[in-house]
Amino acid sequence: MLIPSEVVCDMHGMFITRAELASLNGGPWVNNIVVLASLLPKAREEEILDRSRMFLQADKVGHDVASCEMNNHWHLYVLNIPTGRIEILSSFPLRRGNYISASSRRLSMALEKALHAHGIHVDMEVSKLVHVQPDLVQQKNGYDCGIFALKYMEYWNGATLTQAVVEEKMHVYRLQMVVTLLLNEANNVRENIIEACGL
């Protein structure tokens, strides 16, 4: 019998249940824990992993990102120091009046606070940088934004996407994420998954 609360991924201090992983089954928005857990395995070096964690610490950014309920839209917020700008990578156009600029301002202040708290010196006021939204492939439905954000993160090189993100491959990207999360060497319940699948 399948138990929705069964933990199927346990790595880097994050737990994903069967029910949460089901958000990758197409249709619904991707669960926030699934997105956050998908980021950490890509940080192979310990220093990168530690710096990734700093943006998830409630006392540093003023809010517990891992406990947020996703009810709006996933997009990627890139601090591009060499170009002196903030790049907002989104699968929907975000230029909708003051709402986005207010959100961007809050994100900039949180980022500046996190950098300062960890002693990372930047010779600029992050909250004063120009915010731009590069012209990227856009989603055609109301639920693939989490997958787009993860793919933008994977392929963005600071100027462009190094590989195309293809709307018609969203189901493939979702399946790849399931396999990556479940069979990741860092997944503490990986052997249980392999045994249950008869692999």
N, C-alpha and C. Protein backbone atom coordinates (compact mmCIF):
# COMPACT_ATOMS: atom_id res chain seq x y z
N MET A 1 0.83 -1.18 0.00
CA MET A 1 0.00 0.00 0.00
C MET A 1 0.89 1.26 0.00
N LEU A 2 0.56 2.23 -0.85
CA LEU A 2 1.33 3.46 -0.92
C LEU A 2 0.88 4.41 0.18
N ILE A 3 1.84 4.93 0.93
CA ILE A 3 1.55 5.85 2.03
C ILE A 3 2.00 7.25 1.62
N PRO A 4 1.06 8.21 1.46
CA PRO A 4 1.43 9.56 1.01
C PRO A 4 2.49 10.24 1.87
N SER A 5 2.50 9.96 3.18
CA SER A 5 3.45 10.62 4.08
C SER A 5 4.82 9.93 4.14
N GLU A 6 4.98 8.82 3.41
CA GLU A 6 6.26 8.12 3.40
C GLU A 6 7.36 9.02 2.83
N VAL A 7 8.49 9.10 3.53
CA VAL A 7 9.62 9.90 3.06
C VAL A 7 10.35 9.11 1.97
N VAL A 8 10.43 9.69 0.77
CA VAL A 8 11.09 9.02 -0.35
C VAL A 8 12.42 9.68 -0.71
N CYS A 9 12.66 10.84 -0.11
CA CYS A 9 13.94 11.52 -0.33
C CYS A 9 14.33 12.24 0.95
N ASP A 10 15.52 11.93 1.44
CA ASP A 10 16.03 12.50 2.68
C ASP A 10 17.49 12.86 2.42
N MET A 11 17.73 14.14 2.12
CA MET A 11 19.11 14.56 1.88
C MET A 11 19.31 16.02 2.23
N HIS A 12 20.51 16.32 2.69
CA HIS A 12 20.89 17.69 3.05
C HIS A 12 19.93 18.30 4.06
N GLY A 13 19.38 17.48 4.95
CA GLY A 13 18.47 17.99 5.96
C GLY A 13 17.07 18.30 5.47
N MET A 14 16.74 17.90 4.25
CA MET A 14 15.41 18.13 3.70
C MET A 14 14.74 16.78 3.43
N PHE A 15 13.45 16.73 3.67
CA PHE A 15 12.69 15.51 3.47
C PHE A 15 11.59 15.73 2.46
N ILE A 16 11.43 14.80 1.53
CA ILE A 16 10.35 14.87 0.54
C ILE A 16 9.49 13.62 0.71
N THR A 17 8.20 13.84 0.90
CA THR A 17 7.29 12.70 1.04
C THR A 17 6.79 12.28 -0.34
N ARG A 18 6.18 11.11 -0.37
CA ARG A 18 5.59 10.61 -1.61
C ARG A 18 4.58 11.62 -2.15
N ALA A 19 3.76 12.20 -1.28
CA ALA A 19 2.74 13.18 -1.71
C ALA A 19 3.39 14.43 -2.30
N GLU A 20 4.48 14.90 -1.68
CA GLU A 20 5.17 16.09 -2.20
C GLU A 20 5.82 15.79 -3.55
N LEU A 21 6.40 14.63 -3.67
CA LEU A 21 7.04 14.25 -4.93
C LEU A 21 6.00 14.12 -6.06
N ALA A 22 4.77 13.81 -5.69
CA ALA A 22 3.70 13.67 -6.68
C ALA A 22 3.43 14.99 -7.42
N SER A 23 3.92 16.12 -6.88
CA SER A 23 3.74 17.40 -7.59
C SER A 23 4.51 17.41 -8.90
N LEU A 24 5.43 16.45 -9.09
CA LEU A 24 6.17 16.34 -10.35
C LEU A 24 5.43 15.48 -11.38
N ASN A 25 4.28 14.98 -11.01
CA ASN A 25 3.53 14.08 -11.88
C ASN A 25 2.75 14.82 -12.97
N GLY A 26 2.99 16.09 -13.12
CA GLY A 26 2.31 16.88 -14.17
C GLY A 26 1.04 17.50 -13.64
N GLY A 27 0.76 18.70 -14.09
CA GLY A 27 -0.47 19.38 -13.69
C GLY A 27 -0.26 20.42 -12.61
N PRO A 28 -0.04 20.00 -11.34
CA PRO A 28 0.04 21.01 -10.28
C PRO A 28 1.39 21.71 -10.27
N TRP A 29 1.42 22.82 -9.54
CA TRP A 29 2.70 23.49 -9.33
C TRP A 29 3.64 22.55 -8.61
N VAL A 30 4.92 22.70 -8.86
CA VAL A 30 5.91 21.89 -8.19
C VAL A 30 6.03 22.38 -6.75
N ASN A 31 5.98 21.46 -5.82
CA ASN A 31 6.06 21.75 -4.40
C ASN A 31 7.36 22.48 -4.05
N ASN A 32 7.29 23.44 -3.11
CA ASN A 32 8.47 24.22 -2.75
C ASN A 32 9.61 23.37 -2.21
N ILE A 33 9.32 22.33 -1.44
CA ILE A 33 10.37 21.46 -0.91
C ILE A 33 11.06 20.71 -2.05
N VAL A 34 10.31 20.30 -3.06
CA VAL A 34 10.88 19.60 -4.21
C VAL A 34 11.84 20.53 -4.95
N VAL A 35 11.44 21.79 -5.15
CA VAL A 35 12.32 22.75 -5.83
C VAL A 35 13.59 22.98 -5.02
N LEU A 36 13.45 23.24 -3.73
CA LEU A 36 14.63 23.51 -2.90
C LEU A 36 15.56 22.30 -2.84
N ALA A 37 15.00 21.11 -2.68
CA ALA A 37 15.83 19.89 -2.64
C ALA A 37 16.52 19.63 -3.97
N SER A 38 15.90 20.05 -5.07
CA SER A 38 16.50 19.87 -6.39
C SER A 38 17.72 20.75 -6.58
N LEU A 39 17.79 21.85 -5.86
CA LEU A 39 18.92 22.77 -5.99
C LEU A 39 20.17 22.24 -5.30
N LEU A 40 20.00 21.65 -4.13
CA LEU A 40 21.16 21.29 -3.31
C LEU A 40 22.08 20.24 -3.92
N PRO A 41 21.58 19.19 -4.60
CA PRO A 41 22.52 18.21 -5.18
C PRO A 41 23.42 18.81 -6.25
N LYS A 42 23.01 19.91 -6.86
CA LYS A 42 23.82 20.54 -7.90
C LYS A 42 25.01 21.27 -7.31
N ALA A 43 24.94 21.58 -5.99
CA ALA A 43 26.04 22.25 -5.31
C ALA A 43 27.02 21.19 -4.82
N ARG A 44 27.97 20.82 -5.66
CA ARG A 44 28.87 19.71 -5.35
C ARG A 44 29.95 20.10 -4.34
N GLU A 45 30.45 21.32 -4.44
CA GLU A 45 31.50 21.73 -3.52
C GLU A 45 30.88 22.19 -2.21
N GLU A 46 31.52 21.86 -1.10
CA GLU A 46 30.95 22.18 0.22
C GLU A 46 30.74 23.68 0.40
N GLU A 47 31.67 24.51 -0.12
CA GLU A 47 31.53 25.96 0.02
C GLU A 47 30.27 26.44 -0.69
N ILE A 48 30.01 25.92 -1.90
CA ILE A 48 28.81 26.30 -2.64
C ILE A 48 27.57 25.83 -1.89
N LEU A 49 27.64 24.62 -1.35
CA LEU A 49 26.51 24.09 -0.59
C LEU A 49 26.22 24.96 0.63
N ASP A 50 27.26 25.38 1.36
CA ASP A 50 27.08 26.25 2.52
C ASP A 50 26.49 27.59 2.12
N ARG A 51 26.97 28.16 1.02
CA ARG A 51 26.43 29.44 0.57
C ARG A 51 24.99 29.30 0.09
N SER A 52 24.65 28.16 -0.49
CA SER A 52 23.27 27.92 -0.90
C SER A 52 22.37 27.88 0.33
N ARG A 53 22.85 27.23 1.37
CA ARG A 53 22.05 27.11 2.60
C ARG A 53 21.78 28.46 3.23
N MET A 54 22.73 29.40 3.11
CA MET A 54 22.56 30.68 3.80
C MET A 54 21.31 31.41 3.34
N PHE A 55 20.88 31.19 2.10
CA PHE A 55 19.71 31.88 1.61
C PHE A 55 18.42 31.20 2.06
N LEU A 56 18.54 30.07 2.73
CA LEU A 56 17.37 29.36 3.25
C LEU A 56 17.21 29.58 4.75
N GLN A 57 18.16 30.26 5.39
CA GLN A 57 18.10 30.45 6.83
C GLN A 57 17.21 31.64 7.18
N ALA A 58 16.17 31.35 7.96
CA ALA A 58 15.17 32.36 8.31
C ALA A 58 15.79 33.55 9.04
N ASP A 59 16.76 33.30 9.91
CA ASP A 59 17.35 34.40 10.67
C ASP A 59 18.21 35.31 9.80
N LYS A 60 18.63 34.83 8.63
CA LYS A 60 19.45 35.65 7.74
C LYS A 60 18.61 36.46 6.75
N VAL A 61 17.54 35.85 6.23
CA VAL A 61 16.75 36.55 5.21
C VAL A 61 15.42 37.06 5.73
N GLY A 62 15.11 36.76 7.00
CA GLY A 62 13.89 37.29 7.59
C GLY A 62 12.65 36.46 7.34
N HIS A 63 12.80 35.31 6.68
CA HIS A 63 11.64 34.44 6.43
C HIS A 63 12.13 33.03 6.14
N ASP A 64 11.38 32.05 6.59
CA ASP A 64 11.74 30.66 6.35
C ASP A 64 11.23 30.24 4.98
N VAL A 65 12.13 30.26 3.99
CA VAL A 65 11.75 29.96 2.61
C VAL A 65 11.20 28.54 2.49
N ALA A 66 11.77 27.60 3.22
CA ALA A 66 11.34 26.21 3.11
C ALA A 66 9.91 25.99 3.59
N SER A 67 9.40 26.90 4.41
CA SER A 67 8.03 26.74 4.91
C SER A 67 7.00 27.52 4.10
N CYS A 68 7.45 28.21 3.07
CA CYS A 68 6.52 28.99 2.24
C CYS A 68 5.58 28.06 1.48
N GLU A 69 4.36 28.46 1.36
CA GLU A 69 3.45 27.75 0.48
C GLU A 69 3.49 28.46 -0.87
N MET A 70 3.75 27.71 -1.91
CA MET A 70 3.82 28.30 -3.24
C MET A 70 2.41 28.55 -3.74
N ASN A 71 2.06 29.82 -3.88
CA ASN A 71 0.71 30.14 -4.35
C ASN A 71 0.72 31.20 -5.44
N ASN A 72 1.88 31.44 -6.02
CA ASN A 72 1.93 32.48 -7.04
C ASN A 72 2.75 32.02 -8.23
N HIS A 73 4.05 32.26 -8.23
CA HIS A 73 4.84 31.99 -9.42
C HIS A 73 6.32 31.82 -9.06
N TRP A 74 6.94 30.74 -9.55
CA TRP A 74 8.37 30.54 -9.39
C TRP A 74 9.11 31.32 -10.46
N HIS A 75 10.11 32.08 -10.07
CA HIS A 75 11.03 32.68 -11.03
C HIS A 75 12.40 32.77 -10.38
N LEU A 76 13.41 32.99 -11.19
CA LEU A 76 14.79 33.00 -10.74
C LEU A 76 15.27 34.44 -10.66
N TYR A 77 15.92 34.75 -9.58
CA TYR A 77 16.40 36.09 -9.30
C TYR A 77 17.92 36.02 -9.26
N VAL A 78 18.61 36.56 -10.27
CA VAL A 78 20.06 36.40 -10.41
C VAL A 78 20.78 37.72 -10.12
N LEU A 79 21.69 37.69 -9.16
CA LEU A 79 22.55 38.84 -8.89
C LEU A 79 23.77 38.69 -9.80
N ASN A 80 23.82 39.50 -10.85
CA ASN A 80 24.92 39.43 -11.81
C ASN A 80 25.87 40.59 -11.51
N ILE A 81 26.86 40.32 -10.66
CA ILE A 81 27.77 41.38 -10.20
C ILE A 81 28.58 41.97 -11.35
N PRO A 82 29.14 41.15 -12.29
CA PRO A 82 29.93 41.75 -13.37
C PRO A 82 29.15 42.75 -14.22
N THR A 83 27.86 42.50 -14.44
CA THR A 83 27.07 43.43 -15.26
C THR A 83 26.39 44.50 -14.41
N GLY A 84 26.41 44.33 -13.09
CA GLY A 84 25.79 45.30 -12.19
C GLY A 84 24.28 45.35 -12.31
N ARG A 85 23.67 44.17 -12.44
CA ARG A 85 22.21 44.17 -12.56
C ARG A 85 21.61 42.91 -11.94
N ILE A 86 20.33 42.98 -11.71
CA ILE A 86 19.55 41.84 -11.25
C ILE A 86 18.79 41.32 -12.47
N GLU A 87 18.94 40.04 -12.76
CA GLU A 87 18.24 39.43 -13.90
C GLU A 87 17.12 38.57 -13.34
N ILE A 88 15.91 38.85 -13.77
CA ILE A 88 14.75 38.08 -13.32
C ILE A 88 14.39 37.13 -14.45
N LEU A 89 14.68 35.84 -14.24
CA LEU A 89 14.41 34.82 -15.25
C LEU A 89 13.06 34.21 -14.94
N SER A 90 12.10 34.47 -15.80
CA SER A 90 10.73 34.04 -15.53
C SER A 90 10.09 33.49 -16.79
N SER A 91 9.23 32.50 -16.59
CA SER A 91 8.51 31.91 -17.71
C SER A 91 7.19 32.63 -17.99
N PHE A 92 6.93 33.69 -17.25
CA PHE A 92 5.80 34.61 -17.49
C PHE A 92 6.36 36.02 -17.51
N PRO A 93 5.77 36.92 -18.29
CA PRO A 93 6.21 38.31 -18.20
C PRO A 93 5.89 38.86 -16.81
N LEU A 94 6.85 39.53 -16.17
CA LEU A 94 6.64 40.02 -14.81
C LEU A 94 6.41 41.52 -14.72
N ARG A 95 6.42 42.20 -15.82
CA ARG A 95 6.26 43.66 -15.77
C ARG A 95 4.79 44.01 -15.65
N ARG A 96 4.31 43.95 -14.41
CA ARG A 96 2.90 44.26 -14.16
C ARG A 96 2.79 45.38 -13.13
N GLY A 97 3.30 46.52 -13.43
CA GLY A 97 3.17 47.65 -12.52
C GLY A 97 4.07 47.52 -11.31
N ASN A 98 3.62 48.08 -10.19
CA ASN A 98 4.44 48.19 -8.99
C ASN A 98 4.61 46.90 -8.22
N TYR A 99 3.76 45.90 -8.44
CA TYR A 99 3.85 44.67 -7.65
C TYR A 99 5.23 44.02 -7.82
N ILE A 100 5.69 43.88 -9.06
CA ILE A 100 6.96 43.22 -9.30
C ILE A 100 8.11 44.06 -8.76
N SER A 101 8.06 45.36 -8.96
CA SER A 101 9.15 46.19 -8.45
C SER A 101 9.19 46.14 -6.92
N ALA A 102 8.03 46.07 -6.26
CA ALA A 102 8.00 45.95 -4.80
C ALA A 102 8.57 44.60 -4.37
N SER A 103 8.21 43.52 -5.07
CA SER A 103 8.75 42.20 -4.76
C SER A 103 10.25 42.17 -4.98
N SER A 104 10.70 42.75 -6.09
CA SER A 104 12.13 42.78 -6.40
C SER A 104 12.90 43.56 -5.34
N ARG A 105 12.32 44.65 -4.88
CA ARG A 105 12.97 45.46 -3.84
C ARG A 105 13.12 44.64 -2.55
N ARG A 106 12.06 43.91 -2.18
CA ARG A 106 12.13 43.08 -0.97
C ARG A 106 13.18 41.97 -1.13
N LEU A 107 13.23 41.34 -2.31
CA LEU A 107 14.23 40.30 -2.56
C LEU A 107 15.64 40.88 -2.52
N SER A 108 15.82 42.07 -3.08
CA SER A 108 17.13 42.72 -3.07
C SER A 108 17.59 43.00 -1.65
N MET A 109 16.67 43.48 -0.82
CA MET A 109 17.02 43.78 0.57
C MET A 109 17.36 42.50 1.33
N ALA A 110 16.61 41.41 1.08
CA ALA A 110 16.89 40.13 1.73
C ALA A 110 18.24 39.58 1.29
N LEU A 111 18.55 39.71 0.01
CA LEU A 111 19.83 39.24 -0.52
C LEU A 111 20.97 40.04 0.09
N GLU A 112 20.81 41.36 0.15
CA GLU A 112 21.84 42.21 0.74
C GLU A 112 22.07 41.83 2.20
N LYS A 113 21.00 41.57 2.93
CA LYS A 113 21.08 41.18 4.34
C LYS A 113 21.81 39.84 4.49
N ALA A 114 21.48 38.87 3.62
CA ALA A 114 22.13 37.55 3.69
C ALA A 114 23.62 37.66 3.37
N LEU A 115 23.98 38.42 2.35
CA LEU A 115 25.39 38.60 2.00
C LEU A 115 26.15 39.23 3.17
N HIS A 116 25.58 40.27 3.73
CA HIS A 116 26.21 40.98 4.85
C HIS A 116 26.36 40.04 6.06
N ALA A 117 25.32 39.28 6.37
CA ALA A 117 25.34 38.37 7.52
C ALA A 117 26.44 37.31 7.39
N HIS A 118 26.79 36.95 6.17
CA HIS A 118 27.82 35.93 5.95
C HIS A 118 29.17 36.53 5.58
N GLY A 119 29.30 37.84 5.75
CA GLY A 119 30.58 38.49 5.51
C GLY A 119 31.02 38.52 4.06
N ILE A 120 30.07 38.44 3.15
CA ILE A 120 30.39 38.51 1.72
C ILE A 120 30.26 39.97 1.29
N HIS A 121 31.39 40.58 0.96
CA HIS A 121 31.41 42.00 0.63
C HIS A 121 31.16 42.21 -0.87
N VAL A 122 30.22 43.07 -1.17
CA VAL A 122 29.92 43.43 -2.56
C VAL A 122 30.02 44.94 -2.65
N ASP A 123 30.81 45.46 -3.62
CA ASP A 123 31.02 46.91 -3.76
C ASP A 123 29.86 47.59 -4.47
N MET A 124 28.65 47.33 -4.03
CA MET A 124 27.48 47.97 -4.63
C MET A 124 26.29 47.73 -3.72
N GLU A 125 25.31 48.62 -3.82
CA GLU A 125 24.07 48.42 -3.08
C GLU A 125 23.17 47.55 -3.95
N VAL A 126 22.97 46.31 -3.51
CA VAL A 126 22.19 45.36 -4.30
C VAL A 126 20.79 45.91 -4.58
N SER A 127 20.19 46.55 -3.59
CA SER A 127 18.81 47.03 -3.76
C SER A 127 18.70 48.18 -4.77
N LYS A 128 19.84 48.75 -5.18
CA LYS A 128 19.81 49.86 -6.15
C LYS A 128 20.14 49.40 -7.58
N LEU A 129 20.43 48.13 -7.78
CA LEU A 129 20.79 47.64 -9.11
C LEU A 129 19.59 47.68 -10.06
N VAL A 130 19.89 47.78 -11.33
CA VAL A 130 18.85 47.75 -12.37
C VAL A 130 18.29 46.34 -12.46
N HIS A 131 16.97 46.22 -12.55
CA HIS A 131 16.32 44.92 -12.68
C HIS A 131 15.88 44.74 -14.13
N VAL A 132 16.29 43.62 -14.74
CA VAL A 132 15.92 43.34 -16.13
C VAL A 132 15.32 41.94 -16.23
N GLN A 133 14.44 41.76 -17.19
CA GLN A 133 13.90 40.44 -17.46
C GLN A 133 14.28 40.05 -18.89
N PRO A 134 15.30 39.17 -19.02
CA PRO A 134 15.70 38.73 -20.36
C PRO A 134 14.55 38.03 -21.08
N ASP A 135 14.58 38.11 -22.40
CA ASP A 135 13.56 37.48 -23.22
C ASP A 135 13.86 35.98 -23.32
N LEU A 136 13.08 35.17 -22.60
CA LEU A 136 13.29 33.72 -22.56
C LEU A 136 12.02 33.00 -22.99
N VAL A 137 12.16 31.69 -23.28
CA VAL A 137 11.00 30.89 -23.64
C VAL A 137 9.98 30.97 -22.51
N GLN A 138 8.70 31.08 -22.87
CA GLN A 138 7.63 31.25 -21.89
C GLN A 138 6.75 30.00 -21.82
N GLN A 139 6.17 29.77 -20.64
CA GLN A 139 5.30 28.62 -20.47
C GLN A 139 3.93 28.89 -21.09
N LYS A 140 3.26 27.82 -21.50
CA LYS A 140 1.95 27.95 -22.14
C LYS A 140 0.83 27.49 -21.23
N ASN A 141 1.16 27.10 -20.00
CA ASN A 141 0.13 26.68 -19.05
C ASN A 141 0.34 27.42 -17.74
N GLY A 142 -0.46 27.12 -16.74
CA GLY A 142 -0.38 27.83 -15.48
C GLY A 142 0.35 27.09 -14.38
N TYR A 143 1.12 26.04 -14.71
CA TYR A 143 1.71 25.25 -13.64
C TYR A 143 3.15 24.80 -13.84
N ASP A 144 3.80 25.09 -14.93
CA ASP A 144 5.16 24.60 -15.16
C ASP A 144 6.26 25.58 -14.72
N CYS A 145 5.91 26.65 -14.04
CA CYS A 145 6.90 27.67 -13.70
C CYS A 145 8.05 27.14 -12.84
N GLY A 146 7.78 26.19 -11.93
CA GLY A 146 8.85 25.63 -11.10
C GLY A 146 9.88 24.88 -11.92
N ILE A 147 9.41 24.13 -12.90
CA ILE A 147 10.33 23.38 -13.78
C ILE A 147 11.13 24.36 -14.64
N PHE A 148 10.45 25.38 -15.19
CA PHE A 148 11.16 26.40 -15.96
C PHE A 148 12.24 27.06 -15.11
N ALA A 149 11.91 27.44 -13.87
CA ALA A 149 12.88 28.11 -13.00
C ALA A 149 14.11 27.23 -12.76
N LEU A 150 13.89 25.93 -12.52
CA LEU A 150 15.02 25.02 -12.31
C LEU A 150 15.86 24.87 -13.58
N LYS A 151 15.21 24.81 -14.73
CA LYS A 151 15.95 24.69 -15.99
C LYS A 151 16.71 25.98 -16.30
N TYR A 152 16.09 27.14 -16.03
CA TYR A 152 16.81 28.40 -16.22
C TYR A 152 18.07 28.41 -15.35
N MET A 153 17.93 27.95 -14.11
CA MET A 153 19.06 27.93 -13.19
C MET A 153 20.17 27.01 -13.71
N GLU A 154 19.77 25.90 -14.25
CA GLU A 154 20.73 24.92 -14.76
C GLU A 154 21.47 25.44 -16.00
N TYR A 155 20.78 26.16 -16.87
CA TYR A 155 21.36 26.55 -18.16
C TYR A 155 21.80 28.00 -18.27
N TRP A 156 21.46 28.88 -17.32
CA TRP A 156 21.81 30.29 -17.43
C TRP A 156 23.30 30.49 -17.18
N ASN A 157 23.98 31.22 -18.08
CA ASN A 157 25.42 31.44 -17.92
C ASN A 157 25.77 32.89 -17.61
N GLY A 158 24.78 33.70 -17.32
CA GLY A 158 25.00 35.11 -17.02
C GLY A 158 24.69 36.01 -18.19
N ALA A 159 24.45 35.42 -19.35
CA ALA A 159 24.11 36.21 -20.55
C ALA A 159 22.97 35.58 -21.33
N THR A 160 22.94 34.24 -21.36
CA THR A 160 21.93 33.53 -22.15
C THR A 160 21.77 32.11 -21.61
N LEU A 161 20.82 31.38 -22.16
CA LEU A 161 20.68 29.97 -21.81
C LEU A 161 21.64 29.16 -22.68
N THR A 162 22.39 28.26 -22.08
CA THR A 162 23.35 27.45 -22.84
C THR A 162 22.67 26.31 -23.58
N GLN A 163 21.46 25.96 -23.17
CA GLN A 163 20.64 24.95 -23.86
C GLN A 163 19.21 25.45 -23.92
N ALA A 164 18.49 25.01 -24.90
CA ALA A 164 17.09 25.42 -25.02
C ALA A 164 16.24 24.71 -23.98
N VAL A 165 15.28 25.45 -23.41
CA VAL A 165 14.26 24.86 -22.54
C VAL A 165 13.03 24.70 -23.42
N VAL A 166 12.55 23.48 -23.56
CA VAL A 166 11.50 23.18 -24.52
C VAL A 166 10.20 22.85 -23.80
N GLU A 167 9.16 23.62 -24.07
CA GLU A 167 7.85 23.42 -23.43
C GLU A 167 7.35 21.99 -23.59
N GLU A 168 7.54 21.42 -24.77
CA GLU A 168 7.04 20.08 -25.06
C GLU A 168 7.78 18.98 -24.29
N LYS A 169 8.90 19.34 -23.64
CA LYS A 169 9.67 18.35 -22.88
C LYS A 169 9.45 18.46 -21.37
N MET A 170 8.47 19.24 -20.94
CA MET A 170 8.25 19.42 -19.50
C MET A 170 8.04 18.09 -18.79
N HIS A 171 7.29 17.18 -19.39
CA HIS A 171 7.05 15.87 -18.76
C HIS A 171 8.37 15.09 -18.60
N VAL A 172 9.27 15.24 -19.56
CA VAL A 172 10.58 14.57 -19.48
C VAL A 172 11.42 15.20 -18.36
N TYR A 173 11.42 16.54 -18.28
CA TYR A 173 12.16 17.22 -17.23
C TYR A 173 11.66 16.80 -15.85
N ARG A 174 10.34 16.68 -15.72
CA ARG A 174 9.74 16.26 -14.44
C ARG A 174 10.19 14.84 -14.07
N LEU A 175 10.17 13.95 -15.03
CA LEU A 175 10.59 12.57 -14.78
C LEU A 175 12.07 12.51 -14.41
N GLN A 176 12.90 13.30 -15.10
CA GLN A 176 14.32 13.36 -14.78
C GLN A 176 14.54 13.82 -13.34
N MET A 177 13.74 14.78 -12.89
CA MET A 177 13.86 15.27 -11.51
C MET A 177 13.51 14.18 -10.51
N VAL A 178 12.46 13.42 -10.79
CA VAL A 178 12.07 12.32 -9.89
C VAL A 178 13.22 11.33 -9.76
N VAL A 179 13.78 10.91 -10.89
CA VAL A 179 14.88 9.94 -10.88
C VAL A 179 16.10 10.52 -10.15
N THR A 180 16.44 11.77 -10.43
CA THR A 180 17.59 12.42 -9.80
C THR A 180 17.42 12.49 -8.29
N LEU A 181 16.24 12.87 -7.83
CA LEU A 181 16.01 12.97 -6.39
C LEU A 181 16.02 11.61 -5.71
N LEU A 182 15.31 10.65 -6.28
CA LEU A 182 15.19 9.34 -5.64
C LEU A 182 16.50 8.56 -5.63
N LEU A 183 17.24 8.61 -6.73
CA LEU A 183 18.44 7.79 -6.86
C LEU A 183 19.73 8.55 -6.56
N ASN A 184 19.62 9.78 -6.07
CA ASN A 184 20.79 10.57 -5.73
C ASN A 184 21.59 9.87 -4.63
N GLU A 185 22.91 9.84 -4.77
CA GLU A 185 23.79 9.21 -3.78
C GLU A 185 23.60 9.80 -2.38
N ALA A 186 23.20 11.08 -2.31
CA ALA A 186 23.01 11.74 -1.02
C ALA A 186 21.66 11.41 -0.37
N ASN A 187 20.77 10.76 -1.10
CA ASN A 187 19.46 10.40 -0.56
C ASN A 187 19.62 9.26 0.45
N ASN A 188 19.35 9.55 1.71
CA ASN A 188 19.55 8.58 2.79
C ASN A 188 18.58 7.40 2.73
N VAL A 189 17.51 7.50 1.95
CA VAL A 189 16.57 6.38 1.82
C VAL A 189 16.65 5.77 0.41
N ARG A 190 17.72 6.06 -0.28
CA ARG A 190 17.92 5.56 -1.65
C ARG A 190 17.83 4.04 -1.74
N GLU A 191 18.47 3.34 -0.82
CA GLU A 191 18.46 1.87 -0.85
C GLU A 191 17.05 1.33 -0.70
N ASN A 192 16.24 1.97 0.12
CA ASN A 192 14.83 1.56 0.28
C ASN A 192 14.08 1.69 -1.04
N ILE A 193 14.36 2.79 -1.75
CA ILE A 193 13.70 3.05 -3.04
C ILE A 193 14.12 1.98 -4.05
N ILE A 194 15.43 1.72 -4.12
CA ILE A 194 15.95 0.71 -5.06
C ILE A 194 15.34 -0.65 -4.76
N GLU A 195 15.28 -0.99 -3.49
CA GLU A 195 14.71 -2.29 -3.10
C GLU A 195 13.22 -2.36 -3.44
N ALA A 196 12.48 -1.29 -3.15
CA ALA A 196 11.04 -1.27 -3.42
C ALA A 196 10.74 -1.36 -4.91
N CYS A 197 11.65 -0.82 -5.73
CA CYS A 197 11.45 -0.85 -7.19
C CYS A 197 12.03 -2.10 -7.82
N GLY A 198 12.71 -2.91 -7.02
CA GLY A 198 13.30 -4.13 -7.56
C GLY A 198 14.44 -3.88 -8.50
N LEU A 199 15.20 -2.82 -8.26
CA LEU A 199 16.33 -2.48 -9.14
C LEU A 199 17.60 -3.16 -8.68
